[in-house]
C-alpha cells in the first residue's frame, strides 16, 4: 500500500468536509465544526487475543 488511509467523516459532528492539518502527521481539520483531531495507530493486538462471544449457543 502506498497511500495512507484518510478518515471519511469527522468523529465529532459527522461531516465529510475534512482537510489535512499542518499540525503534524495524522492531523485533520473539520470545516463544519471547526475542530482539529489526530489519528494515531497504536499497534497490533496480540495473536490469539479474541473477544468473548456473547452468544447464547452454549450447552
PDB file of N, CA and C in Angstrom:
ATOM      1  N   UNK A   1       0.842  -1.173   0.000  1.00  0.00           N
ATOM      2  CA  UNK A   1       0.000   0.000   0.000  1.00  0.00           C
ATOM      3  C   UNK A   1       0.890   1.239   0.000  1.00  0.00           C
ATOM      4  N   UNK A   2       0.611   2.136  -0.873  1.00  0.00           N
ATOM      5  CA  UNK A   2       1.464   3.313  -0.982  1.00  0.00           C
ATOM      6  C   UNK A   2       0.834   4.562  -0.370  1.00  0.00           C
ATOM      7  N   UNK A   3      -0.460   4.557  -0.148  1.00  0.00           N
ATOM      8  CA  UNK A   3      -1.125   5.727   0.405  1.00  0.00           C
ATOM      9  C   UNK A   3      -1.663   5.416   1.797  1.00  0.00           C
ATOM     10  N   UNK A   4      -1.731   6.430   2.613  1.00  0.00           N
ATOM     11  CA  UNK A   4      -2.286   6.280   3.960  1.00  0.00           C
ATOM     12  C   UNK A   4      -3.803   6.432   3.913  1.00  0.00           C
ATOM     13  N   UNK A   5      -4.473   5.781   4.828  1.00  0.00           N
ATOM     14  CA  UNK A   5      -5.925   5.872   4.896  1.00  0.00           C
ATOM     15  C   UNK A   5      -6.330   7.232   5.450  1.00  0.00           C
ATOM     16  N   UNK A   6      -7.399   7.748   4.956  1.00  0.00           N
ATOM     17  CA  UNK A   6      -7.927   9.031   5.408  1.00  0.00           C
ATOM     18  C   UNK A   6      -9.284   8.803   6.066  1.00  0.00           C
ATOM     19  N   UNK A   7      -9.630   9.606   7.073  1.00  0.00           N
ATOM     20  CA  UNK A   7     -10.951   9.455   7.691  1.00  0.00           C
ATOM     21  C   UNK A   7     -12.046   9.872   6.712  1.00  0.00           C
ATOM     22  N   UNK A   8     -13.190   9.228   6.806  1.00  0.00           N
ATOM     23  CA  UNK A   8     -14.311   9.529   5.918  1.00  0.00           C
ATOM     24  C   UNK A   8     -15.201  10.632   6.474  1.00  0.00           C
ATOM     25  N   UNK A   9     -15.212  10.790   7.804  1.00  0.00           N
ATOM     26  CA  UNK A   9     -16.081  11.796   8.424  1.00  0.00           C
ATOM     27  C   UNK A   9     -15.476  12.254   9.745  1.00  0.00           C
ATOM     28  N   UNK A  10     -15.914  13.399  10.214  1.00  0.00           N
ATOM     29  CA  UNK A  10     -15.456  13.975  11.481  1.00  0.00           C
ATOM     30  C   UNK A  10     -16.014  13.143  12.633  1.00  0.00           C
ATOM     31  N   UNK A  11     -15.180  12.751  13.597  1.00  0.00           N
ATOM     32  CA  UNK A  11     -15.687  11.977  14.731  1.00  0.00           C
ATOM     33  C   UNK A  11     -16.546  12.798  15.687  1.00  0.00           C
ATOM     34  N   UNK A  12     -16.563  14.117  15.548  1.00  0.00           N
ATOM     35  CA  UNK A  12     -17.342  14.981  16.435  1.00  0.00           C
ATOM     36  C   UNK A  12     -18.712  15.336  15.852  1.00  0.00           C
ATOM     37  N   UNK A  13     -18.743  15.758  14.591  1.00  0.00           N
ATOM     38  CA  UNK A  13     -20.018  16.205  14.022  1.00  0.00           C
ATOM     39  C   UNK A  13     -20.522  15.315  12.881  1.00  0.00           C
ATOM     40  N   UNK A  14     -19.677  14.453  12.342  1.00  0.00           N
ATOM     41  CA  UNK A  14     -20.088  13.544  11.285  1.00  0.00           C
ATOM     42  C   UNK A  14     -19.988  14.121   9.879  1.00  0.00           C
ATOM     43  N   UNK A  15     -19.559  15.371   9.744  1.00  0.00           N
ATOM     44  CA  UNK A  15     -19.455  15.986   8.423  1.00  0.00           C
ATOM     45  C   UNK A  15     -18.277  15.392   7.651  1.00  0.00           C
ATOM     46  N   UNK A  16     -18.316  15.507   6.329  1.00  0.00           N
ATOM     47  CA  UNK A  16     -17.281  14.931   5.478  1.00  0.00           C
ATOM     48  C   UNK A  16     -16.311  15.963   4.912  1.00  0.00           C
ATOM     49  N   UNK A  17     -16.424  17.223   5.322  1.00  0.00           N
ATOM     50  CA  UNK A  17     -15.549  18.286   4.813  1.00  0.00           C
ATOM     51  C   UNK A  17     -14.264  18.346   5.641  1.00  0.00           C
ATOM     52  N   UNK A  18     -13.372  17.382   5.416  1.00  0.00           N
ATOM     53  CA  UNK A  18     -12.125  17.279   6.161  1.00  0.00           C
ATOM     54  C   UNK A  18     -10.936  17.649   5.288  1.00  0.00           C
ATOM     55  N   UNK A  19      -9.940  18.240   5.932  1.00  0.00           N
ATOM     56  CA  UNK A  19      -8.708  18.609   5.239  1.00  0.00           C
ATOM     57  C   UNK A  19      -7.528  18.249   6.117  1.00  0.00           C
ATOM     58  N   UNK A  20      -6.411  17.820   5.535  1.00  0.00           N
ATOM     59  CA  UNK A  20      -5.217  17.561   6.348  1.00  0.00           C
ATOM     60  C   UNK A  20      -4.772  18.839   7.058  1.00  0.00           C
ATOM     61  N   UNK A  21      -4.338  18.692   8.289  1.00  0.00           N
ATOM     62  CA  UNK A  21      -3.888  19.830   9.088  1.00  0.00           C
ATOM     63  C   UNK A  21      -2.376  19.969   8.973  1.00  0.00           C
ATOM     64  N   UNK A  22      -1.898  21.189   9.137  1.00  0.00           N
ATOM     65  CA  UNK A  22      -0.462  21.432   9.136  1.00  0.00           C
ATOM     66  C   UNK A  22       0.157  21.124  10.496  1.00  0.00           C
ATOM     67  N   UNK A  23      -0.665  20.724  11.473  1.00  0.00           N
ATOM     68  CA  UNK A  23      -0.184  20.474  12.832  1.00  0.00           C
ATOM     69  C   UNK A  23       0.729  19.259  12.917  1.00  0.00           C
ATOM     70  N   UNK A  24       0.637  18.353  11.966  1.00  0.00           N
ATOM     71  CA  UNK A  24       1.509  17.188  12.014  1.00  0.00           C
ATOM     72  C   UNK A  24       0.899  15.984  11.326  1.00  0.00           C
ATOM     73  N   UNK A  25       1.626  14.886  11.392  1.00  0.00           N
ATOM     74  CA  UNK A  25       1.215  13.649  10.745  1.00  0.00           C
ATOM     75  C   UNK A  25      -0.057  13.104  11.382  1.00  0.00           C
ATOM     76  N   UNK A  26      -1.042  12.803  10.574  1.00  0.00           N
ATOM     77  CA  UNK A  26      -2.289  12.228  11.054  1.00  0.00           C
ATOM     78  C   UNK A  26      -3.277  13.239  11.593  1.00  0.00           C
ATOM     79  N   UNK A  27      -2.977  14.527  11.460  1.00  0.00           N
ATOM     80  CA  UNK A  27      -3.879  15.564  11.974  1.00  0.00           C
ATOM     81  C   UNK A  27      -4.824  16.019  10.871  1.00  0.00           C
ATOM     82  N   UNK A  28      -6.088  16.220  11.234  1.00  0.00           N
ATOM     83  CA  UNK A  28      -7.129  16.623  10.289  1.00  0.00           C
ATOM     84  C   UNK A  28      -7.926  17.770  10.865  1.00  0.00           C
ATOM     85  N   UNK A  29      -8.509  18.586   9.991  1.00  0.00           N
ATOM     86  CA  UNK A  29      -9.356  19.705  10.386  1.00  0.00           C
ATOM     87  C   UNK A  29     -10.725  19.541   9.751  1.00  0.00           C
ATOM     88  N   UNK A  30     -11.769  19.814  10.527  1.00  0.00           N
ATOM     89  CA  UNK A  30     -13.136  19.757  10.033  1.00  0.00           C
ATOM     90  C   UNK A  30     -13.633  21.178   9.813  1.00  0.00           C
ATOM     91  N   UNK A  31     -14.036  21.496   8.597  1.00  0.00           N
ATOM     92  CA  UNK A  31     -14.507  22.839   8.275  1.00  0.00           C
ATOM     93  C   UNK A  31     -15.907  23.085   8.828  1.00  0.00           C
ATOM     94  N   UNK A  32     -16.683  22.036   9.063  1.00  0.00           N
ATOM     95  CA  UNK A  32     -18.057  22.195   9.530  1.00  0.00           C
ATOM     96  C   UNK A  32     -18.125  22.607  11.001  1.00  0.00           C
ATOM     97  N   UNK A  33     -17.360  21.932  11.870  1.00  0.00           N
ATOM     98  CA  UNK A  33     -17.430  22.230  13.303  1.00  0.00           C
ATOM     99  C   UNK A  33     -16.192  22.955  13.815  1.00  0.00           C
ATOM    100  N   UNK A  34     -15.249  23.220  12.912  1.00  0.00           N
ATOM    101  CA  UNK A  34     -14.033  23.980  13.240  1.00  0.00           C
ATOM    102  C   UNK A  34     -13.201  23.297  14.323  1.00  0.00           C
ATOM    103  N   UNK A  35     -13.157  21.963  14.289  1.00  0.00           N
ATOM    104  CA  UNK A  35     -12.351  21.199  15.241  1.00  0.00           C
ATOM    105  C   UNK A  35     -11.194  20.531  14.518  1.00  0.00           C
ATOM    106  N   UNK A  36     -10.141  20.283  15.260  1.00  0.00           N
ATOM    107  CA  UNK A  36      -8.996  19.541  14.740  1.00  0.00           C
ATOM    108  C   UNK A  36      -8.855  18.266  15.558  1.00  0.00           C
ATOM    109  N   UNK A  37      -8.460  17.189  14.909  1.00  0.00           N
ATOM    110  CA  UNK A  37      -8.255  15.923  15.593  1.00  0.00           C
ATOM    111  C   UNK A  37      -7.102  15.192  14.941  1.00  0.00           C
ATOM    112  N   UNK A  38      -6.591  14.185  15.625  1.00  0.00           N
ATOM    113  CA  UNK A  38      -5.443  13.446  15.127  1.00  0.00           C
ATOM    114  C   UNK A  38      -5.728  11.951  15.184  1.00  0.00           C
ATOM    115  N   UNK A  39      -5.334  11.253  14.142  1.00  0.00           N
ATOM    116  CA  UNK A  39      -5.444   9.801  14.081  1.00  0.00           C
ATOM    117  C   UNK A  39      -4.090   9.203  14.423  1.00  0.00           C
ATOM    118  N   UNK A  40      -4.097   8.128  15.187  1.00  0.00           N
ATOM    119  CA  UNK A  40      -2.837   7.519  15.594  1.00  0.00           C
ATOM    120  C   UNK A  40      -2.994   6.003  15.619  1.00  0.00           C
ATOM    121  N   UNK A  41      -2.071   5.316  14.981  1.00  0.00           N
ATOM    122  CA  UNK A  41      -2.045   3.858  15.004  1.00  0.00           C
ATOM    123  C   UNK A  41      -1.353   3.423  16.289  1.00  0.00           C
ATOM    124  N   UNK A  42      -2.015   2.618  17.092  1.00  0.00           N
ATOM    125  CA  UNK A  42      -1.458   2.203  18.367  1.00  0.00           C
ATOM    126  C   UNK A  42      -0.654   0.917  18.285  1.00  0.00           C
ATOM    127  N   UNK A  43      -0.985   0.038  17.362  1.00  0.00           N
ATOM    128  CA  UNK A  43      -0.258  -1.218  17.231  1.00  0.00           C
ATOM    129  C   UNK A  43      -1.203  -2.368  16.953  1.00  0.00           C
ATOM    130  N   UNK A  44      -0.636  -3.538  16.855  1.00  0.00           N
ATOM    131  CA  UNK A  44      -1.419  -4.742  16.597  1.00  0.00           C
ATOM    132  C   UNK A  44      -1.747  -5.436  17.906  1.00  0.00           C
ATOM    133  N   UNK A  45      -2.890  -6.080  17.952  1.00  0.00           N
ATOM    134  CA  UNK A  45      -3.258  -6.870  19.120  1.00  0.00           C
ATOM    135  C   UNK A  45      -2.454  -8.162  19.134  1.00  0.00           C
ATOM    136  N   UNK A  46      -2.263  -8.711  20.302  1.00  0.00           N
ATOM    137  CA  UNK A  46      -1.521  -9.959  20.429  1.00  0.00           C
ATOM    138  C   UNK A  46      -2.256 -11.069  19.692  1.00  0.00           C
ATOM    139  N   UNK A  47      -1.503 -11.948  19.054  1.00  0.00           N
ATOM    140  CA  UNK A  47      -2.107 -13.056  18.321  1.00  0.00           C
ATOM    141  C   UNK A  47      -2.843 -13.962  19.298  1.00  0.00           C
ATOM    142  N   UNK A  48      -4.028 -14.364  18.938  1.00  0.00           N
ATOM    143  CA  UNK A  48      -4.826 -15.234  19.778  1.00  0.00           C
ATOM    144  C   UNK A  48      -5.767 -14.488  20.694  1.00  0.00           C
ATOM    145  N   UNK A  49      -5.599 -13.193  20.832  1.00  0.00           N
ATOM    146  CA  UNK A  49      -6.490 -12.406  21.668  1.00  0.00           C
ATOM    147  C   UNK A  49      -7.793 -12.199  20.926  1.00  0.00           C
ATOM    148  N   UNK A  50      -8.888 -12.687  21.472  1.00  0.00           N
ATOM    149  CA  UNK A  50     -10.188 -12.585  20.826  1.00  0.00           C
ATOM    150  C   UNK A  50     -11.212 -12.117  21.836  1.00  0.00           C
ATOM    151  N   UNK A  51     -12.224 -11.453  21.339  1.00  0.00           N
ATOM    152  CA  UNK A  51     -13.316 -11.019  22.204  1.00  0.00           C
ATOM    153  C   UNK A  51     -14.167 -12.222  22.580  1.00  0.00           C
ATOM    154  N   UNK A  52     -14.689 -12.189  23.776  1.00  0.00           N
ATOM    155  CA  UNK A  52     -15.569 -13.270  24.223  1.00  0.00           C
ATOM    156  C   UNK A  52     -16.883 -13.192  23.450  1.00  0.00           C
ATOM    157  N   UNK A  53     -17.342 -14.328  22.987  1.00  0.00           N
ATOM    158  CA  UNK A  53     -18.613 -14.389  22.259  1.00  0.00           C
ATOM    159  C   UNK A  53     -19.747 -14.328  23.260  1.00  0.00           C
ATOM    160  N   UNK A  54     -20.640 -13.392  23.063  1.00  0.00           N
ATOM    161  CA  UNK A  54     -21.768 -13.231  23.993  1.00  0.00           C
ATOM    162  C   UNK A  54     -23.011 -13.977  23.519  1.00  0.00           C
ATOM    163  N   UNK A  55     -22.836 -14.867  22.559  1.00  0.00           N
ATOM    164  CA  UNK A  55     -23.981 -15.616  22.033  1.00  0.00           C
ATOM    165  C   UNK A  55     -24.493 -16.633  23.046  1.00  0.00           C
ATOM    166  N   UNK A  56     -25.714 -17.052  22.888  1.00  0.00           N
ATOM    167  CA  UNK A  56     -26.335 -17.987  23.815  1.00  0.00           C
ATOM    168  C   UNK A  56     -26.305 -19.409  23.323  1.00  0.00           C
ATOM    169  N   UNK A  57     -25.283 -19.810  22.569  1.00  0.00           N
ATOM    170  CA  UNK A  57     -25.225 -21.143  21.980  1.00  0.00           C
ATOM    171  C   UNK A  57     -24.542 -22.179  22.866  1.00  0.00           C
ATOM    172  N   UNK A  58     -24.231 -21.824  24.119  1.00  0.00           N
ATOM    173  CA  UNK A  58     -23.543 -22.768  24.987  1.00  0.00           C
ATOM    174  C   UNK A  58     -24.512 -23.820  25.517  1.00  0.00           C
ATOM    175  N   UNK A  59     -23.988 -25.014  25.805  1.00  0.00           N
ATOM    176  CA  UNK A  59     -24.819 -26.105  26.322  1.00  0.00           C
ATOM    177  C   UNK A  59     -24.577 -26.259  27.794  1.00  0.00           C
TER     178      UNK A  59
END
